[in-house]
Amino acid sequence: MTWSVLAQDPSFWVAVSFVLFVGAFGRLLFRKLAAVLDAHRNAVRDELDSAAALHAEAQSLRDRYTDEAAEAEKTAREIRARAQETAGQIAAASDQRLQAHLSRMRARATEEIARTEEAARQMYRERVADLVLEASTRLLRERIDAETQLSLVQQTVDSLGRSLKQRQA
């Protein structure tokens, strides 16, 4: 095939025009396509960088919250330990106060019992003294005459007077 035959063939000219068209516009099209791809690559890179930054921030927040949770748990354990210690101290103090109160109540009860016993003894003595006096009076009336009675009463009064003076001195 020679040049003259090819020059008259319309397929040849279609092929030549296609090559020229692709050559002329392909370069322009390639630049546009490359620019679009570069922009897309840059957008993807920016998104990846943003995602990496967000991931790092999320990791930092997670670490911080983990540390804060550990610190809060430690604080809770310390508070619980202090509360248990305080409760133990309060229980011990309450027990001491209860024991002191019980001791005071026992002492008061013992004193009250002693006073009651002493009052009962005194009442018994007074009753015995009254009975002895009554029996003595009855015996004296029955067996002693009036003059002897007067003499005995006088001696008793004198004896009581001396006893009172000795107690006052």
Protein backbone atom coordinates (compact mmCIF):
# COMPACT_ATOMS: atom_id res chain seq x y z
CA MET A 1 0.00 0.00 0.00
CA THR A 2 1.34 3.12 -1.04
CA TRP A 3 0.87 6.58 0.09
CA SER A 4 -1.50 7.56 -2.64
CA VAL A 5 -3.73 4.60 -1.95
CA LEU A 6 -3.75 5.34 1.74
CA ALA A 7 -4.40 8.99 1.16
CA GLN A 8 -7.57 8.18 -0.70
CA ASP A 9 -8.86 5.69 1.88
CA PRO A 10 -11.35 7.32 4.27
CA SER A 11 -10.50 4.80 7.01
CA PHE A 12 -6.96 6.06 6.97
CA TRP A 13 -8.10 9.63 7.50
CA VAL A 14 -10.45 8.56 10.27
CA ALA A 15 -7.55 6.80 11.94
CA VAL A 16 -5.25 9.80 11.48
CA SER A 17 -7.87 12.20 12.80
CA PHE A 18 -8.53 9.88 15.72
CA VAL A 19 -4.81 9.79 16.58
CA LEU A 20 -4.56 13.57 16.26
CA PHE A 21 -7.72 14.05 18.29
CA VAL A 22 -6.53 11.69 21.00
CA GLY A 23 -3.07 13.26 20.88
CA ALA A 24 -4.39 16.81 21.17
CA PHE A 25 -7.26 16.29 23.54
CA GLY A 26 -5.80 13.26 25.29
CA ARG A 27 -3.07 15.35 26.78
CA LEU A 28 -5.59 17.91 27.99
CA LEU A 29 -7.90 15.15 29.13
CA PHE A 30 -5.01 13.41 30.88
CA ARG A 31 -4.09 16.62 32.74
CA LYS A 32 -7.71 17.11 33.83
CA LEU A 33 -7.99 13.48 34.86
CA ALA A 34 -4.65 13.68 36.70
CA ALA A 35 -5.84 16.85 38.48
CA VAL A 36 -9.09 15.15 39.48
CA LEU A 37 -7.20 12.08 40.70
CA ASP A 38 -4.70 14.27 42.57
CA ALA A 39 -7.55 16.17 44.20
CA HIS A 40 -9.22 12.89 45.13
CA ARG A 41 -5.91 11.54 46.46
CA ASN A 42 -5.41 14.72 48.50
CA ALA A 43 -8.98 14.52 49.82
CA VAL A 44 -8.46 10.88 50.81
CA ARG A 45 -5.10 11.76 52.42
CA ASP A 46 -6.77 14.62 54.34
CA GLU A 47 -9.54 12.30 55.48
CA LEU A 48 -6.96 9.69 56.53
CA ASP A 49 -4.97 12.35 58.39
CA SER A 50 -8.17 13.58 60.02
CA ALA A 51 -9.14 10.01 60.91
CA ALA A 52 -5.65 9.40 62.35
CA ALA A 53 -5.91 12.60 64.38
CA LEU A 54 -9.39 11.61 65.60
CA HIS A 55 -8.08 8.14 66.42
CA ALA A 56 -5.17 9.63 68.37
CA GLU A 57 -7.56 11.97 70.19
CA ALA A 58 -9.94 9.09 70.93
CA GLN A 59 -7.01 7.01 72.20
CA SER A 60 -5.90 9.93 74.37
CA LEU A 61 -9.43 10.36 75.74
CA ARG A 62 -9.73 6.63 76.37
CA ASP A 63 -6.38 6.63 78.20
CA ARG A 64 -7.42 9.70 80.21
CA TYR A 65 -10.79 8.19 81.12
CA THR A 66 -9.11 4.90 82.00
CA ASP A 67 -6.71 6.80 84.27
CA GLU A 68 -9.60 8.79 85.76
CA ALA A 69 -11.59 5.59 86.32
CA ALA A 70 -8.59 3.99 88.02
CA GLU A 71 -8.11 7.10 90.14
CA ALA A 72 -11.82 7.16 91.02
CA GLU A 73 -11.67 3.48 91.98
CA LYS A 74 -8.60 4.14 94.12
CA THR A 75 -10.36 7.09 95.75
CA ALA A 76 -13.44 4.94 96.35
CA ARG A 77 -11.28 2.26 98.01
CA GLU A 78 -9.63 4.92 100.20
CA ILE A 79 -13.02 6.38 101.14
CA ARG A 80 -14.34 2.91 101.92
CA ALA A 81 -11.27 2.15 104.06
CA ARG A 82 -11.63 5.46 105.92
CA ALA A 83 -15.35 4.84 106.38
CA GLN A 84 -14.68 1.37 107.78
CA GLU A 85 -12.00 2.77 110.08
CA THR A 86 -14.32 5.56 111.20
CA ALA A 87 -17.15 3.08 111.72
CA GLY A 88 -14.80 0.95 113.82
CA GLN A 89 -13.80 3.97 115.88
CA ILE A 90 -17.43 4.99 116.31
CA ALA A 91 -18.35 1.45 117.33
CA ALA A 92 -15.46 1.34 119.80
CA ALA A 93 -16.39 4.75 121.22
CA SER A 94 -20.04 3.71 121.44
CA ASP A 95 -19.02 0.51 123.19
CA GLN A 96 -16.89 2.50 125.64
CA ARG A 97 -19.74 4.93 126.28
CA LEU A 98 -22.13 2.01 126.75
CA GLN A 99 -19.75 0.31 129.18
CA ALA A 100 -19.29 3.57 131.10
CA HIS A 101 -23.07 4.10 131.18
CA LEU A 102 -23.62 0.53 132.39
CA SER A 103 -20.94 1.02 135.05
CA ARG A 104 -22.63 4.22 136.24
CA MET A 105 -26.01 2.47 136.26
CA ARG A 106 -24.54 -0.45 138.27
CA ALA A 107 -22.94 2.00 140.70
CA ARG A 108 -26.23 3.89 141.11
CA ALA A 109 -28.12 0.63 141.52
CA THR A 110 -25.58 -0.56 144.10
CA GLU A 111 -25.85 2.76 145.96
CA GLU A 112 -29.64 2.60 145.83
CA ILE A 113 -29.60 -0.98 147.11
CA ALA A 114 -27.21 0.04 149.90
CA ARG A 115 -29.44 3.01 150.83
CA THR A 116 -32.51 0.78 150.76
CA GLU A 117 -30.77 -1.82 152.90
CA GLU A 118 -29.62 0.86 155.35
CA ALA A 119 -33.13 2.32 155.46
CA ALA A 120 -34.52 -1.16 156.09
CA ARG A 121 -31.96 -1.75 158.87
CA GLN A 122 -32.77 1.63 160.39
CA MET A 123 -36.48 0.91 160.19
CA TYR A 124 -35.83 -2.54 161.75
CA ARG A 125 -33.76 -0.95 164.55
CA GLU A 126 -36.45 1.64 165.18
CA ARG A 127 -39.13 -1.03 165.22
CA VAL A 128 -37.05 -3.20 167.58
CA ALA A 129 -36.40 -0.17 169.77
CA ASP A 130 -40.12 0.62 169.78
CA LEU A 131 -40.98 -2.97 170.70
CA VAL A 132 -38.32 -3.07 173.40
CA LEU A 133 -39.55 0.25 174.76
CA GLU A 134 -43.15 -0.91 174.67
CA ALA A 135 -42.27 -4.22 176.37
CA SER A 136 -40.11 -2.45 178.93
CA THR A 137 -42.86 0.07 179.61
CA ARG A 138 -45.40 -2.69 180.06
CA LEU A 139 -43.07 -4.61 182.38
CA LEU A 140 -42.24 -1.53 184.37
CA ARG A 141 -45.89 -0.63 184.80
CA GLU A 142 -46.75 -4.06 185.94
CA ARG A 143 -43.82 -4.59 188.32
CA ILE A 144 -42.53 -1.20 189.44
CA ASP A 145 -44.30 1.34 191.60
CA ALA A 146 -44.69 5.04 190.71
CA GLU A 147 -41.72 6.31 192.70
CA THR A 148 -39.29 3.85 191.13
CA GLN A 149 -40.72 4.67 187.70
CA LEU A 150 -40.07 8.35 188.26
CA SER A 151 -36.49 7.64 189.32
CA LEU A 152 -35.84 5.46 186.23
CA VAL A 153 -37.32 8.08 183.88
CA GLN A 154 -35.11 10.74 185.49
CA GLN A 155 -31.99 8.56 185.02
CA THR A 156 -32.88 7.90 181.38
CA VAL A 157 -33.42 11.60 180.65
CA ASP A 158 -30.08 12.46 182.29
CA SER A 159 -28.33 9.71 180.31
CA LEU A 160 -29.86 10.95 177.04
CA GLY A 161 -28.81 14.52 177.84
CA ARG A 162 -25.20 13.44 178.41
CA SER A 163 -25.21 11.42 175.17
CA LEU A 164 -26.50 14.41 173.20
CA LYS A 165 -23.87 16.71 174.71
CA GLN A 166 -21.10 14.23 173.83
CA ARG A 167 -22.31 13.97 170.24
CA GLN A 168 -22.48 17.74 169.83
CA ALA A 169 -18.94 18.17 171.15
